[in-house]
N, C-alpha and C. Protein backbone atom coordinates (compact mmCIF):
# COMPACT_ATOMS: atom_id res chain seq x y z
N MET A 1 69.29 115.25 85.72
CA MET A 1 70.71 114.82 86.04
C MET A 1 70.52 115.36 87.50
N GLN A 2 71.29 114.06 88.07
CA GLN A 2 71.49 113.97 89.39
C GLN A 2 72.38 115.01 90.27
N GLU A 3 71.60 115.72 91.21
CA GLU A 3 72.48 116.64 92.00
C GLU A 3 73.79 116.35 92.61
N LYS A 4 74.71 116.98 92.67
CA LYS A 4 76.15 116.64 93.17
C LYS A 4 75.86 117.02 94.52
N ARG A 5 75.98 116.01 95.69
CA ARG A 5 76.10 116.93 97.02
C ARG A 5 77.35 116.37 97.77
N GLY A 6 77.90 117.44 98.70
CA GLY A 6 79.22 117.17 99.72
C GLY A 6 78.63 116.26 100.78
N LEU A 7 79.20 116.38 102.10
CA LEU A 7 78.91 115.66 103.20
C LEU A 7 77.83 116.91 103.89
N GLY A 8 76.70 116.53 103.97
CA GLY A 8 75.56 117.65 104.64
C GLY A 8 75.54 117.03 106.12
N LEU A 9 74.94 117.64 106.62
CA LEU A 9 74.74 117.89 108.30
C LEU A 9 74.30 116.14 108.35
N LYS A 10 73.25 115.83 107.69
CA LYS A 10 72.84 114.54 108.01
C LYS A 10 74.01 113.54 108.00
N ASN A 11 74.62 113.19 106.90
CA ASN A 11 75.99 113.05 106.72
C ASN A 11 76.55 112.81 107.70
N LEU A 12 77.27 113.91 107.91
CA LEU A 12 78.21 114.34 109.22
C LEU A 12 77.78 113.61 110.71
N GLN A 13 76.43 113.31 110.87
CA GLN A 13 76.27 112.78 112.01
C GLN A 13 76.88 111.30 112.26
N LEU A 14 77.12 110.69 110.99
CA LEU A 14 77.55 109.63 111.05
C LEU A 14 78.99 109.55 111.37
N PHE A 15 79.75 110.62 111.24
CA PHE A 15 81.26 110.53 112.26
C PHE A 15 81.61 111.12 113.40
N THR A 16 80.07 111.30 113.95
CA THR A 16 80.42 111.95 115.21
C THR A 16 80.46 111.15 116.33
N GLY A 17 80.00 109.96 116.19
CA GLY A 17 80.00 108.77 117.02
C GLY A 17 81.33 108.77 117.60
N ASN A 18 81.59 107.52 118.69
CA ASN A 18 82.88 106.98 119.14
C ASN A 18 83.59 106.21 117.99
N PHE A 19 84.72 106.84 117.41
CA PHE A 19 85.41 105.97 116.61
C PHE A 19 86.61 105.93 117.32
N MET A 20 87.48 104.88 117.46
CA MET A 20 88.79 104.77 117.71
C MET A 20 89.48 104.89 116.48
N ARG A 21 90.75 105.46 116.95
CA ARG A 21 91.88 106.02 116.31
C ARG A 21 92.37 104.72 115.82
N PRO A 22 92.27 104.65 113.82
CA PRO A 22 92.60 103.35 113.59
C PRO A 22 94.07 102.98 113.48
N PRO A 23 94.67 102.05 113.45
CA PRO A 23 96.07 101.61 113.90
C PRO A 23 96.85 101.97 112.50
N LYS A 24 98.20 102.43 113.02
CA LYS A 24 99.20 102.78 112.18
C LYS A 24 99.51 101.76 111.03
N ALA A 25 99.35 101.89 109.99
CA ALA A 25 99.73 100.76 108.84
C ALA A 25 101.10 100.17 109.39
N GLN A 26 101.28 98.98 109.33
CA GLN A 26 102.52 98.68 109.73
C GLN A 26 103.07 97.45 108.18
N SER A 27 104.13 97.39 108.33
CA SER A 27 104.65 96.79 106.97
C SER A 27 105.04 94.89 106.99
N ASP A 28 104.52 94.12 106.67
CA ASP A 28 104.66 92.92 106.89
C ASP A 28 105.25 92.04 105.49
N ASN A 29 106.69 92.26 105.56
CA ASN A 29 107.77 91.92 104.91
C ASN A 29 107.68 90.44 104.37
N GLN A 30 106.97 89.62 105.01
CA GLN A 30 106.66 88.67 104.36
C GLN A 30 105.56 88.21 103.39
N GLN A 31 104.71 89.29 103.48
CA GLN A 31 103.65 89.83 102.55
C GLN A 31 104.01 90.25 101.29
N ASP A 32 104.63 91.26 101.86
CA ASP A 32 105.23 91.68 100.72
C ASP A 32 106.10 91.29 99.52
N LEU A 33 106.63 89.75 100.03
CA LEU A 33 107.37 89.01 99.09
C LEU A 33 106.38 88.60 98.01
N PHE A 34 104.99 88.32 98.51
CA PHE A 34 104.15 87.91 97.20
C PHE A 34 103.28 89.09 96.77
N ARG A 35 103.11 90.43 96.82
CA ARG A 35 103.02 91.25 96.13
C ARG A 35 103.57 92.16 95.39
N HIS A 36 102.89 92.71 94.22
CA HIS A 36 103.71 93.74 93.36
C HIS A 36 103.84 94.76 93.95
N ARG A 37 104.90 95.39 94.37
CA ARG A 37 105.12 96.99 95.14
C ARG A 37 104.37 98.08 94.01
N LEU A 38 103.32 99.01 94.92
CA LEU A 38 102.28 99.92 94.02
C LEU A 38 103.21 100.60 92.55
N GLU A 39 104.65 101.05 93.49
CA GLU A 39 105.41 101.84 92.62
C GLU A 39 106.34 100.98 91.31
N ASN A 40 105.92 99.83 91.36
CA ASN A 40 106.31 99.23 90.17
C ASN A 40 104.72 99.45 89.09
N ILE A 41 103.60 99.28 89.40
CA ILE A 41 102.64 99.12 88.79
C ILE A 41 102.29 100.57 88.10
N ILE A 42 102.24 101.42 88.99
CA ILE A 42 101.80 102.97 88.50
C ILE A 42 102.74 103.69 87.95
N ASN A 43 102.52 104.99 87.12
CA ASN A 43 103.20 105.87 86.96
C ASN A 43 103.92 106.97 87.93
N MET A 44 104.83 106.68 88.18
CA MET A 44 105.41 107.88 89.55
C MET A 44 105.46 109.19 89.46
N ARG A 45 105.58 109.54 87.92
CA ARG A 45 105.40 110.64 87.43
C ARG A 45 103.93 111.36 87.32
N HIS A 46 102.86 110.64 87.69
CA HIS A 46 101.68 110.72 87.63
C HIS A 46 101.24 111.97 88.71
N GLU A 47 100.27 113.18 88.26
CA GLU A 47 100.25 114.53 89.24
C GLU A 47 99.76 113.83 90.63
N LEU A 48 98.86 113.06 90.64
CA LEU A 48 98.14 112.41 92.00
C LEU A 48 99.48 111.89 92.56
N VAL A 49 100.12 111.03 92.20
CA VAL A 49 101.03 110.52 93.18
C VAL A 49 102.20 111.32 93.55
N ILE A 50 102.41 112.44 92.57
CA ILE A 50 103.32 113.72 93.12
C ILE A 50 102.78 114.27 94.03
N LEU A 51 101.77 114.66 94.03
CA LEU A 51 100.86 115.15 95.07
C LEU A 51 100.86 114.89 96.37
N ALA A 52 100.65 113.35 96.41
CA ALA A 52 100.74 112.59 97.37
C ALA A 52 101.94 112.45 98.03
N HIS A 53 103.21 112.52 97.32
CA HIS A 53 104.26 112.39 97.99
C HIS A 53 104.50 113.93 98.34
N GLY A 54 103.82 115.01 98.22
CA GLY A 54 103.91 116.39 98.46
C GLY A 54 103.45 116.40 100.02
N ILE A 55 102.46 115.64 100.19
CA ILE A 55 101.81 115.85 101.66
C ILE A 55 102.16 115.40 102.67
N ASP A 56 102.24 116.03 104.02
CA ASP A 56 102.86 115.50 105.46
C ASP A 56 101.71 114.49 105.85
N TRP A 57 101.25 113.28 105.17
CA TRP A 57 100.34 112.45 106.08
C TRP A 57 100.37 112.61 107.60
N GLU A 58 101.59 112.34 108.13
CA GLU A 58 102.00 112.11 109.36
C GLU A 58 101.32 112.99 110.32
N ARG A 59 101.79 114.41 109.86
CA ARG A 59 101.36 115.49 110.01
C ARG A 59 100.00 115.87 110.30
N LEU A 60 99.12 115.19 109.20
CA LEU A 60 97.74 115.36 109.23
C LEU A 60 97.05 114.39 110.01
N ASP A 61 97.82 113.07 110.13
CA ASP A 61 97.20 112.03 110.98
C ASP A 61 97.33 112.45 112.35
N ASP A 62 98.26 113.23 112.92
CA ASP A 62 98.35 113.43 114.13
C ASP A 62 97.42 114.89 114.70
N HIS A 63 97.41 115.73 113.34
CA HIS A 63 96.10 116.30 113.60
C HIS A 63 94.96 116.10 113.87
N PHE A 64 94.53 115.33 112.98
CA PHE A 64 92.72 114.59 113.25
C PHE A 64 93.17 113.32 113.99
N GLY A 65 94.06 113.00 114.12
CA GLY A 65 93.88 112.08 115.75
C GLY A 65 93.57 112.06 117.13
N LYS A 66 93.38 113.29 117.12
CA LYS A 66 92.83 114.03 118.56
C LYS A 66 91.63 113.58 118.38
N PHE A 67 90.61 113.56 117.49
CA PHE A 67 89.23 113.58 117.42
C PHE A 67 88.89 112.41 117.50
N PHE A 68 89.82 111.02 117.31
CA PHE A 68 89.44 109.86 117.66
C PHE A 68 89.08 109.36 119.31
N SER A 69 88.34 108.80 119.56
CA SER A 69 88.47 108.11 120.84
C SER A 69 89.11 106.98 121.27
N GLU A 70 89.46 106.29 122.31
CA GLU A 70 90.06 105.50 122.69
C GLU A 70 89.52 103.85 122.60
N ASN A 71 87.77 104.53 122.78
CA ASN A 71 86.81 103.40 122.53
C ASN A 71 85.89 103.42 121.58
N GLY A 72 85.21 102.61 120.95
CA GLY A 72 84.47 102.22 119.97
C GLY A 72 84.68 101.68 118.84
N ARG A 73 84.31 101.89 118.10
CA ARG A 73 84.73 100.96 116.81
C ARG A 73 85.94 101.67 115.92
N PRO A 74 87.02 100.58 115.33
CA PRO A 74 87.93 101.39 114.59
C PRO A 74 87.47 102.33 113.51
N GLY A 75 88.50 103.28 113.37
CA GLY A 75 87.88 104.44 112.49
C GLY A 75 88.50 104.26 111.10
N ILE A 76 88.33 104.90 109.75
CA ILE A 76 89.15 104.86 108.87
C ILE A 76 90.67 105.63 108.84
N PRO A 77 91.51 104.87 108.49
CA PRO A 77 92.23 105.83 108.13
C PRO A 77 92.43 107.24 107.69
N SER A 78 92.98 108.35 108.35
CA SER A 78 92.65 109.68 108.09
C SER A 78 93.05 109.46 106.51
N ARG A 79 94.57 109.13 106.17
CA ARG A 79 94.97 109.03 104.87
C ARG A 79 94.03 108.92 103.64
N MET A 80 93.13 107.83 103.94
CA MET A 80 92.27 107.47 103.24
C MET A 80 91.01 108.45 102.89
N MET A 81 90.85 109.18 104.23
CA MET A 81 89.64 110.18 104.32
C MET A 81 90.08 111.08 103.46
N ILE A 82 91.32 111.58 103.81
CA ILE A 82 91.62 112.94 103.42
C ILE A 82 92.00 112.62 101.78
N GLY A 83 92.39 111.84 101.37
CA GLY A 83 92.83 111.57 99.66
C GLY A 83 91.45 111.38 99.15
N LEU A 84 90.55 110.58 99.71
CA LEU A 84 89.23 110.82 98.91
C LEU A 84 88.05 111.84 98.81
N HIS A 85 88.61 113.09 99.76
CA HIS A 85 88.11 114.15 100.13
C HIS A 85 88.90 114.74 99.21
N ILE A 86 90.36 115.07 98.60
CA ILE A 86 91.37 115.55 97.84
C ILE A 86 90.17 115.13 96.17
N LEU A 87 90.56 113.99 96.27
CA LEU A 87 90.14 113.56 94.76
C LEU A 87 88.42 114.20 94.95
N LYS A 88 87.88 114.25 95.43
CA LYS A 88 86.45 114.48 95.21
C LYS A 88 86.20 116.26 95.06
N HIS A 89 87.38 116.66 95.59
CA HIS A 89 86.80 117.95 95.04
C HIS A 89 87.89 118.65 93.63
N THR A 90 88.55 117.92 93.95
CA THR A 90 89.67 117.96 92.54
C THR A 90 88.96 117.71 91.00
N PHE A 91 87.85 116.80 91.22
CA PHE A 91 87.43 115.97 90.13
C PHE A 91 85.93 116.60 90.09
N ALA A 92 85.53 117.08 91.12
CA ALA A 92 83.87 117.63 91.07
C ALA A 92 82.84 116.49 91.08
N LEU A 93 83.18 115.43 92.25
CA LEU A 93 82.77 114.10 92.30
C LEU A 93 81.72 114.31 93.23
N SER A 94 80.41 113.41 93.44
CA SER A 94 79.64 113.51 94.59
C SER A 94 80.76 112.35 95.44
N ASP A 95 80.18 111.96 96.78
CA ASP A 95 80.66 111.21 97.56
C ASP A 95 80.52 109.50 96.78
N GLU A 96 79.53 109.20 96.57
CA GLU A 96 79.58 107.95 95.29
C GLU A 96 80.41 107.69 93.99
N GLU A 97 80.52 108.48 93.43
CA GLU A 97 81.19 108.65 92.21
C GLU A 97 82.86 108.84 92.67
N VAL A 98 83.28 109.02 93.91
CA VAL A 98 84.58 109.01 94.62
C VAL A 98 84.76 107.90 94.69
N CYS A 99 84.21 107.29 95.58
CA CYS A 99 84.41 105.71 95.97
C CYS A 99 84.78 104.64 94.95
N ALA A 100 83.37 105.40 93.87
CA ALA A 100 83.69 104.21 92.78
C ALA A 100 85.23 104.47 91.53
N GLN A 101 85.36 105.35 91.83
CA GLN A 101 86.17 105.71 90.89
C GLN A 101 87.33 105.42 91.85
N TRP A 102 87.78 105.31 93.07
CA TRP A 102 88.90 104.94 93.92
C TRP A 102 88.74 103.40 93.79
N VAL A 103 88.03 102.54 93.43
CA VAL A 103 88.07 101.61 93.55
C VAL A 103 88.53 101.13 92.11
N GLU A 104 88.17 101.79 91.31
CA GLU A 104 88.32 101.33 89.71
C GLU A 104 89.70 101.67 89.21
N ASN A 105 90.67 102.81 90.14
CA ASN A 105 91.70 103.34 89.64
C ASN A 105 92.74 103.40 90.67
N VAL A 106 93.67 102.31 90.27
CA VAL A 106 94.37 101.74 90.95
C VAL A 106 95.59 103.09 91.64
N ARG A 107 95.83 104.32 90.86
CA ARG A 107 96.48 105.26 90.99
C ARG A 107 95.90 106.28 92.31
N HIS A 108 94.68 106.25 92.21
CA HIS A 108 94.18 106.82 93.78
C HIS A 108 94.41 105.82 95.12
N GLY A 109 94.58 104.47 94.99
CA GLY A 109 95.11 103.88 96.19
C GLY A 109 96.53 104.62 96.44
N ALA A 110 97.33 105.49 95.71
CA ALA A 110 98.70 105.94 96.04
C ALA A 110 98.41 106.74 97.07
N HIS A 111 97.36 107.50 97.18
CA HIS A 111 96.87 108.18 98.03
C HIS A 111 96.82 107.64 99.43
């Protein structure tokens, strides 16, 4: 059986470089015209959706934003990283498994 591991010190080094703060998501009304809204596709009463709505994402983004640099390559949005971390620990998944689950399950995109 494959050992499940979290982010160890070796993997943590990947995140200690100079990363720029990711840009805030902006709504493009023209693109939204041709896209299905996530609210119309998923069950809004699902426990993960309810959890996502109960989290103060802006506060977390402000807190973690101070760790980003003004220079360097763009970082991954903190909401995505925190959401994946929540899924990883909630369902006892490895890093690889949580990424695979996120790709396969549209509900996880609600995070």
